[in-house]
Protein backbone atom coordinates (compact mmCIF):
# COMPACT_ATOMS: atom_id res chain seq x y z
CA UNK A 1 -12.94 246.80 -126.47
CA UNK A 2 -14.34 244.17 -128.82
CA UNK A 3 -17.46 242.40 -127.62
CA UNK A 4 -17.55 238.62 -127.66
CA UNK A 5 -19.50 237.56 -130.76
CA UNK A 6 -21.49 234.97 -128.84
CA UNK A 7 -22.24 236.66 -125.56
CA UNK A 8 -21.85 240.35 -126.24
CA UNK A 9 -19.50 240.67 -123.26
CA UNK A 10 -16.08 242.21 -123.76
CA UNK A 11 -13.13 239.81 -123.64
CA UNK A 12 -11.34 242.26 -121.36
CA UNK A 13 -14.25 242.21 -118.92
CA UNK A 14 -14.34 238.40 -118.86
CA UNK A 15 -10.59 238.14 -118.42
CA UNK A 16 -10.54 240.71 -115.64
CA UNK A 17 -13.42 239.01 -113.81
CA UNK A 18 -11.77 235.60 -114.04
CA UNK A 19 -8.43 236.93 -112.84
CA UNK A 20 -10.07 238.58 -109.84
CA UNK A 21 -11.92 235.39 -108.96
CA UNK A 22 -8.79 233.28 -109.41
CA UNK A 23 -6.80 235.61 -107.18
CA UNK A 24 -9.38 235.39 -104.41
CA UNK A 25 -9.40 231.59 -104.64
CA UNK A 26 -5.61 231.56 -104.45
CA UNK A 27 -5.88 233.63 -101.27
CA UNK A 28 -8.43 231.16 -99.92
CA UNK A 29 -5.93 228.37 -100.56
CA UNK A 30 -3.15 230.30 -98.86
CA UNK A 31 -5.40 230.99 -95.87
CA UNK A 32 -6.20 227.30 -95.42
CA UNK A 33 -2.57 226.23 -95.65
CA UNK A 34 -1.33 229.03 -93.39
CA UNK A 35 -3.94 228.27 -90.73
CA UNK A 36 -3.08 224.58 -90.64
CA UNK A 37 0.67 225.20 -90.72
CA UNK A 38 0.37 227.58 -87.78
CA UNK A 39 -1.76 225.13 -85.83
CA UNK A 40 0.69 222.35 -86.50
CA UNK A 41 3.62 224.40 -85.25
CA UNK A 42 1.75 225.42 -82.11
CA UNK A 43 0.62 221.90 -81.22
CA UNK A 44 3.98 220.32 -82.05
CA UNK A 45 5.35 222.12 -79.00
CA UNK A 46 2.67 220.52 -76.84
CA UNK A 47 2.97 216.86 -77.87
CA UNK A 48 4.21 214.99 -80.92
CA UNK A 49 0.88 213.17 -81.33
CA UNK A 50 -1.13 216.39 -81.10
CA UNK A 51 -0.28 217.24 -84.71
CA UNK A 52 -1.84 214.07 -86.17
CA UNK A 53 -5.38 215.41 -86.77
CA UNK A 54 -3.98 218.67 -88.14
CA UNK A 55 -1.73 216.78 -90.53
CA UNK A 56 -4.73 214.75 -91.70
CA UNK A 57 -6.50 217.95 -92.71
CA UNK A 58 -3.34 219.33 -94.33
CA UNK A 59 -3.01 216.17 -96.40
CA UNK A 60 -6.60 216.53 -97.58
CA UNK A 61 -5.95 220.12 -98.65
CA UNK A 62 -2.77 219.08 -100.43
CA UNK A 63 -4.52 216.21 -102.23
CA UNK A 64 -6.50 218.64 -104.37
CA UNK A 65 -10.24 219.06 -104.65
CA UNK A 66 -12.32 221.32 -106.84
CA UNK A 67 -12.95 224.10 -104.27
CA UNK A 68 -16.47 224.43 -105.63
CA UNK A 69 -17.97 226.02 -102.53
CA UNK A 70 -15.38 228.81 -102.21
CA UNK A 71 -15.69 229.40 -105.96
CA UNK A 72 -19.44 230.00 -105.74
CA UNK A 73 -19.02 232.12 -102.62
CA UNK A 74 -16.41 234.32 -104.31
CA UNK A 75 -18.50 234.55 -107.48
CA UNK A 76 -21.60 235.57 -105.52
CA UNK A 77 -19.54 238.22 -103.74
CA UNK A 78 -17.99 239.68 -106.88
CA UNK A 79 -21.29 239.53 -108.78
CA UNK A 80 -22.78 241.55 -105.92
CA UNK A 81 -20.12 244.21 -106.34
CA UNK A 82 -17.97 243.22 -103.38
CA UNK A 83 -14.52 244.70 -102.84
CA UNK A 84 -11.95 242.04 -103.85
CA UNK A 85 -9.43 243.52 -101.39
CA UNK A 86 -11.63 242.78 -98.37
CA UNK A 87 -10.06 239.87 -96.43
CA UNK A 88 -13.49 238.93 -95.05
CA UNK A 89 -14.56 237.18 -98.25
CA UNK A 90 -11.35 235.16 -98.28
CA UNK A 91 -12.08 234.01 -94.73
CA UNK A 92 -15.65 233.07 -95.74
CA UNK A 93 -14.43 231.02 -98.70
CA UNK A 94 -11.88 229.25 -96.54
CA UNK A 95 -14.54 228.51 -93.91
CA UNK A 96 -16.76 226.89 -96.53
CA UNK A 97 -13.92 224.67 -97.74
CA UNK A 98 -13.03 223.69 -94.17
CA UNK A 99 -16.66 222.76 -93.53
CA UNK A 100 -16.52 220.67 -96.69
CA UNK A 101 -13.42 218.85 -95.39
CA UNK A 102 -15.34 218.00 -92.24
CA UNK A 103 -18.21 216.61 -94.29
CA UNK A 104 -15.86 214.56 -96.47
CA UNK A 105 -14.08 212.94 -93.53
CA UNK A 106 -17.36 212.10 -91.81
CA UNK A 107 -18.99 210.97 -95.08
CA UNK A 108 -16.20 208.49 -95.65
CA UNK A 109 -16.91 206.91 -92.28
CA UNK A 110 -20.67 206.82 -92.92
CA UNK A 111 -20.18 205.35 -96.39
CA UNK A 112 -17.34 203.00 -95.39
CA UNK A 113 -15.27 204.43 -98.24
CA UNK A 114 -11.63 203.36 -98.49
CA UNK A 115 -10.31 206.13 -100.75
CA UNK A 116 -10.75 209.85 -101.24
CA UNK A 117 -8.99 211.92 -103.91
CA UNK A 118 -6.95 208.88 -104.84
CA UNK A 119 -5.50 208.26 -101.36
CA UNK A 120 -6.70 206.25 -98.33
CA UNK A 121 -9.44 207.93 -96.33
CA UNK A 122 -8.63 209.16 -92.84
CA UNK A 123 -10.37 206.31 -91.05
CA UNK A 124 -8.86 203.68 -93.37
CA UNK A 125 -5.36 205.10 -92.99
CA UNK A 126 -5.51 205.17 -89.19
CA UNK A 127 -7.15 201.78 -88.88
CA UNK A 128 -4.30 200.35 -90.94
CA UNK A 129 -1.75 202.16 -88.78
CA UNK A 130 -3.37 200.77 -85.62
CA UNK A 131 -3.29 197.28 -87.08
CA UNK A 132 0.34 197.52 -88.22
CA UNK A 133 1.55 198.76 -84.82
CA UNK A 134 -0.32 196.12 -82.87
CA UNK A 135 -1.98 198.70 -80.63
CA UNK A 136 -4.67 197.86 -78.10
CA UNK A 137 -8.36 197.83 -79.01
CA UNK A 138 -10.13 197.48 -82.36
CA UNK A 139 -8.41 198.89 -85.44
CA UNK A 140 -11.66 199.86 -87.15
CA UNK A 141 -13.00 201.61 -84.08
CA UNK A 142 -9.75 203.52 -83.65
CA UNK A 143 -9.66 204.62 -87.30
CA UNK A 144 -13.25 205.80 -87.24
CA UNK A 145 -12.71 207.57 -83.93
CA UNK A 146 -9.74 209.47 -85.34
CA UNK A 147 -11.79 210.44 -88.42
CA UNK A 148 -14.67 211.72 -86.32
CA UNK A 149 -12.29 213.91 -84.34
CA UNK A 150 -10.50 215.15 -87.48
CA UNK A 151 -13.85 216.11 -88.99
CA UNK A 152 -14.86 217.85 -85.77
CA UNK A 153 -11.58 219.77 -85.75
CA UNK A 154 -12.35 220.98 -89.28
CA UNK A 155 -15.70 222.22 -87.98
CA UNK A 156 -13.91 224.19 -85.26
CA UNK A 157 -11.56 225.76 -87.80
CA UNK A 158 -14.45 226.58 -90.14
CA UNK A 159 -16.15 228.52 -87.36
CA UNK A 160 -12.92 230.31 -86.51
CA UNK A 161 -12.52 231.36 -90.13
CA UNK A 162 -16.11 232.47 -90.64
CA UNK A 163 -15.84 234.67 -87.54
CA UNK A 164 -13.53 236.89 -89.64
CA UNK A 165 -16.17 237.39 -92.35
CA UNK A 166 -18.78 240.19 -92.25
CA UNK A 167 -21.44 239.57 -89.60
CA UNK A 168 -24.10 239.74 -92.33
CA UNK A 169 -23.19 236.22 -93.46
CA UNK A 170 -23.89 234.51 -90.15
CA UNK A 171 -27.63 233.74 -90.54
CA UNK A 172 -26.99 232.05 -93.90
CA UNK A 173 -23.90 230.28 -92.53
CA UNK A 174 -25.94 228.88 -89.64
CA UNK A 175 -28.68 227.64 -91.98
CA UNK A 176 -26.07 226.07 -94.22
CA UNK A 177 -24.46 224.11 -91.41
CA UNK A 178 -27.69 222.79 -89.94
CA UNK A 179 -28.93 221.75 -93.39
CA UNK A 180 -25.81 219.67 -93.99
CA UNK A 181 -26.32 217.75 -90.75
CA UNK A 182 -30.06 217.24 -91.18
CA UNK A 183 -29.59 216.24 -94.81
CA UNK A 184 -26.96 213.68 -93.86
CA UNK A 185 -29.28 212.21 -91.25
CA UNK A 186 -32.11 211.93 -93.78
CA UNK A 187 -29.71 210.24 -96.20
CA UNK A 188 -28.58 207.71 -93.58
CA UNK A 189 -32.15 206.97 -92.52
CA UNK A 190 -33.45 206.60 -96.08
CA UNK A 191 -30.78 203.94 -96.66
CA UNK A 192 -32.16 201.86 -93.80
CA UNK A 193 -35.68 201.86 -95.22
CA UNK A 194 -34.52 201.66 -98.85
CA UNK A 195 -38.04 202.27 -100.09
CA UNK A 196 -38.85 203.90 -103.41
CA UNK A 197 -39.63 207.56 -102.86
CA UNK A 198 -38.25 209.78 -105.66
CA UNK A 199 -39.68 212.90 -104.01
CA UNK A 200 -37.68 212.26 -100.83
CA UNK A 201 -34.61 211.38 -102.90
CA UNK A 202 -34.71 214.77 -104.58
CA UNK A 203 -35.26 216.55 -101.28
CA UNK A 204 -32.28 214.80 -99.69
CA UNK A 205 -30.09 215.60 -102.70
CA UNK A 206 -30.93 219.29 -102.35
CA UNK A 207 -30.56 219.49 -98.58
CA UNK A 208 -27.47 217.37 -97.99
CA UNK A 209 -25.49 218.54 -101.00
CA UNK A 210 -26.98 221.00 -103.45
CA UNK A 211 -27.72 223.83 -101.08
CA UNK A 212 -24.44 223.79 -99.22
CA UNK A 213 -22.49 223.40 -102.45
CA UNK A 214 -24.06 226.17 -104.54
CA UNK A 215 -27.12 227.96 -103.20
CA UNK A 216 -25.91 228.92 -99.72
CA UNK A 217 -22.30 229.80 -100.72
CA UNK A 218 -23.67 232.19 -103.36
CA UNK A 219 -25.90 233.88 -100.79
CA UNK A 220 -23.07 234.00 -98.25
CA UNK A 221 -21.03 235.85 -100.86
CA UNK A 222 -23.85 238.23 -101.75
CA UNK A 223 -24.57 238.95 -98.09
CA UNK A 224 -20.89 239.64 -97.45
CA UNK A 225 -21.15 242.32 -100.15
CA UNK A 226 -24.32 243.76 -98.63
CA UNK A 227 -26.61 242.52 -101.41
CA UNK A 228 -29.23 240.48 -99.63
CA UNK A 229 -31.61 241.37 -102.46
CA UNK A 230 -29.84 238.80 -104.65
CA UNK A 231 -30.93 235.91 -102.44
CA UNK A 232 -34.09 234.99 -104.45
CA UNK A 233 -32.26 234.75 -107.79
CA UNK A 234 -29.35 232.89 -106.23
CA UNK A 235 -31.76 230.52 -104.49
CA UNK A 236 -33.60 229.62 -107.69
CA UNK A 237 -30.33 229.18 -109.57
CA UNK A 238 -28.66 227.32 -106.70
CA UNK A 239 -31.53 224.93 -106.05
CA UNK A 240 -31.58 223.82 -109.68
CA UNK A 241 -27.85 223.65 -110.29
CA UNK A 242 -27.23 222.15 -106.86
CA UNK A 243 -29.59 219.28 -107.60
CA UNK A 244 -27.91 218.78 -110.97
CA UNK A 245 -24.56 218.65 -109.16
CA UNK A 246 -25.77 215.88 -106.84
CA UNK A 247 -27.41 213.90 -109.66
CA UNK A 248 -24.08 213.97 -111.52
CA UNK A 249 -22.49 212.65 -108.34
CA UNK A 250 -25.01 209.78 -108.33
CA UNK A 251 -24.25 208.91 -111.96
CA UNK A 252 -20.51 209.04 -111.31
CA UNK A 253 -20.91 206.69 -108.36
CA UNK A 254 -22.85 204.24 -110.49
CA UNK A 255 -20.99 204.47 -113.79
CA UNK A 256 -17.86 206.58 -113.22
CA UNK A 257 -14.23 205.57 -113.27
CA UNK A 258 -12.55 205.53 -109.86
CA UNK A 259 -9.34 206.67 -111.57
CA UNK A 260 -11.17 209.92 -112.37
CA UNK A 261 -13.24 210.29 -109.20
CA UNK A 262 -10.45 209.32 -106.81
CA UNK A 263 -12.82 207.16 -104.74
CA UNK A 264 -14.49 203.76 -105.06
CA UNK A 265 -17.50 203.51 -107.34
CA UNK A 266 -20.70 201.70 -106.44
CA UNK A 267 -20.83 202.96 -102.84
CA UNK A 268 -24.47 203.99 -103.29
CA UNK A 269 -25.22 200.35 -104.11
CA UNK A 270 -23.37 198.84 -101.15
CA UNK A 271 -24.69 201.46 -98.72
CA UNK A 272 -28.27 201.22 -100.07
CA UNK A 273 -28.47 204.94 -100.81
CA UNK A 274 -31.89 205.80 -102.17
CA UNK A 275 -30.78 208.13 -104.93
CA UNK A 276 -33.16 209.40 -107.58
CA UNK A 277 -31.37 207.14 -110.07
CA UNK A 278 -32.11 204.01 -108.04
CA UNK A 279 -35.59 205.19 -107.05
CA UNK A 280 -36.67 205.68 -110.65
CA UNK A 281 -35.02 202.43 -111.71
CA UNK A 282 -36.78 200.38 -109.04
CA UNK A 283 -40.11 201.85 -110.11
CA UNK A 284 -39.51 200.33 -113.54
CA UNK A 285 -37.74 197.09 -112.59
CA UNK A 286 -38.54 195.37 -109.29
CA UNK A 287 -35.52 193.05 -109.66
CA UNK A 288 -33.11 195.93 -109.08
CA UNK A 289 -34.03 195.97 -105.39
CA UNK A 290 -33.00 192.31 -105.12
CA UNK A 291 -29.76 192.91 -107.02
CA UNK A 292 -28.75 195.53 -104.47
CA UNK A 293 -29.98 193.99 -101.22
CA UNK A 294 -29.18 190.30 -101.76
CA UNK A 295 -25.64 188.88 -102.01
CA UNK A 296 -24.27 187.12 -105.06
CA UNK A 297 -24.78 189.87 -107.63
CA UNK A 298 -21.98 191.82 -109.27
CA UNK A 299 -21.91 195.61 -109.76
CA UNK A 300 -21.63 195.10 -113.52
CA UNK A 301 -24.82 193.05 -113.49
CA UNK A 302 -26.60 195.85 -111.67
CA UNK A 303 -25.23 198.53 -114.00
CA UNK A 304 -26.46 196.63 -117.06
CA UNK A 305 -29.90 196.34 -115.51
CA UNK A 306 -29.94 200.05 -114.70
CA UNK A 307 -29.06 200.94 -118.29
CA UNK A 308 -31.81 198.63 -119.57
CA UNK A 309 -34.41 200.61 -117.61
CA UNK A 310 -33.48 203.77 -119.50
CA UNK A 311 -33.26 205.68 -116.21
CA UNK A 312 -29.63 206.87 -116.57
CA UNK A 313 -30.63 208.63 -119.79
CA UNK A 314 -33.63 210.13 -118.01
CA UNK A 315 -31.41 211.41 -115.20
CA UNK A 316 -29.13 212.98 -117.83
CA UNK A 317 -32.14 214.75 -119.31
CA UNK A 318 -33.24 215.87 -115.87
CA UNK A 319 -29.76 217.31 -115.29
CA UNK A 320 -30.01 219.20 -118.58
CA UNK A 321 -33.43 220.57 -117.60
CA UNK A 322 -32.12 221.68 -114.21
CA UNK A 323 -29.14 223.46 -115.77
CA UNK A 324 -31.48 225.23 -118.18
CA UNK A 325 -33.73 226.24 -115.30
CA UNK A 326 -30.78 227.57 -113.33
CA UNK A 327 -29.48 229.56 -116.28
CA UNK A 328 -32.90 231.11 -116.85
CA UNK A 329 -33.08 232.05 -113.17
CA UNK A 330 -29.85 234.00 -113.38
CA UNK A 331 -30.55 235.59 -116.77
CA UNK A 332 -32.39 238.55 -115.27
CA UNK A 333 -30.52 238.82 -111.98
CA UNK A 334 -29.50 242.42 -111.15
CA UNK A 335 -25.76 241.79 -111.62
CA UNK A 336 -23.34 242.64 -114.43
CA UNK A 337 -23.63 240.52 -117.55
CA UNK A 338 -20.12 239.15 -117.12
CA UNK A 339 -21.16 237.48 -113.86
CA UNK A 340 -24.38 236.11 -115.29
CA UNK A 341 -22.30 234.46 -117.99
CA UNK A 342 -19.79 233.21 -115.46
CA UNK A 343 -22.58 231.57 -113.45
CA UNK A 344 -23.92 229.91 -116.59
CA UNK A 345 -20.45 228.56 -117.31
CA UNK A 346 -20.07 227.33 -113.73
CA UNK A 347 -23.44 225.56 -113.90
CA UNK A 348 -22.34 223.64 -116.96
CA UNK A 349 -18.97 222.75 -115.41
CA UNK A 350 -20.39 221.31 -112.18
CA UNK A 351 -23.25 219.47 -113.88
CA UNK A 352 -21.11 217.82 -116.53
CA UNK A 353 -17.90 217.09 -114.62
CA UNK A 354 -16.28 213.64 -114.73
CA UNK A 355 -14.95 213.60 -111.16
């Protein structure tokens, strides 16, 4: 076997590791689709309308997504020496993705977002259906009610799936779920105050997104393999890379192309989200607060002002520093070199994505 000239890892080792990971993620995908198909068939016999929330979740699965959380869970498991034939890790990865679907559906209601993955969001779609059919009540309230229930159903399915994973994952799974909810609350509340507090902005980014995207899934995977000793290294790596992930999300919201992201841009502006980007910018330019909170200003005007502060470039540098910190954290982790390199590659991919 010829070592890779850059990394020193054999090409055969890298290829084998990637194929194993890809196969597990394919099984995660199959598990999600099979679960929802079975649920649809069962509920179709009860009532024709009973399948609507299940179909909403199926459509979200079919619309794509990066499957980042299952990918980190599977990688943590394989890096910890887990048996790729154990169906428990597939169930854990599927549970994490189902939890993510719940968060997406609820997020879209909280953020009043009209599109997700290039298609209408659940609440938008059902509000429009209500309006077109001339049903009783308020269209918006109906659409948001359906979305809340669809998101809750995803939570139920996520718990059902995780129950098939090794019991050793449950403490981390419980922490993960509570963090998502608390982080979302902090995010919603910070938007009401809309006061400059970069420290809180970073904390919210880590709690509501970074930890449940990278840190906790890695530890879930390691725990499923019986390697709780990897938690400190995965925490240090996950905290850094998870924050970088969320900061990229903030930049994409401000400056991204909705054709790439599949959702409207500028939602952080309209929803008064106190991101680190906006917090730093308002420290340098007091007029940015007025541009966001007072009517009559265009998003392009705000973007130009943000660029003039130099903050977007500073956020980019902060992302680079976080990725470097994460890569250093994993450099000495007690796992095979091939998985250390895979985690470095994954850090770069999530921090520098364009969608």
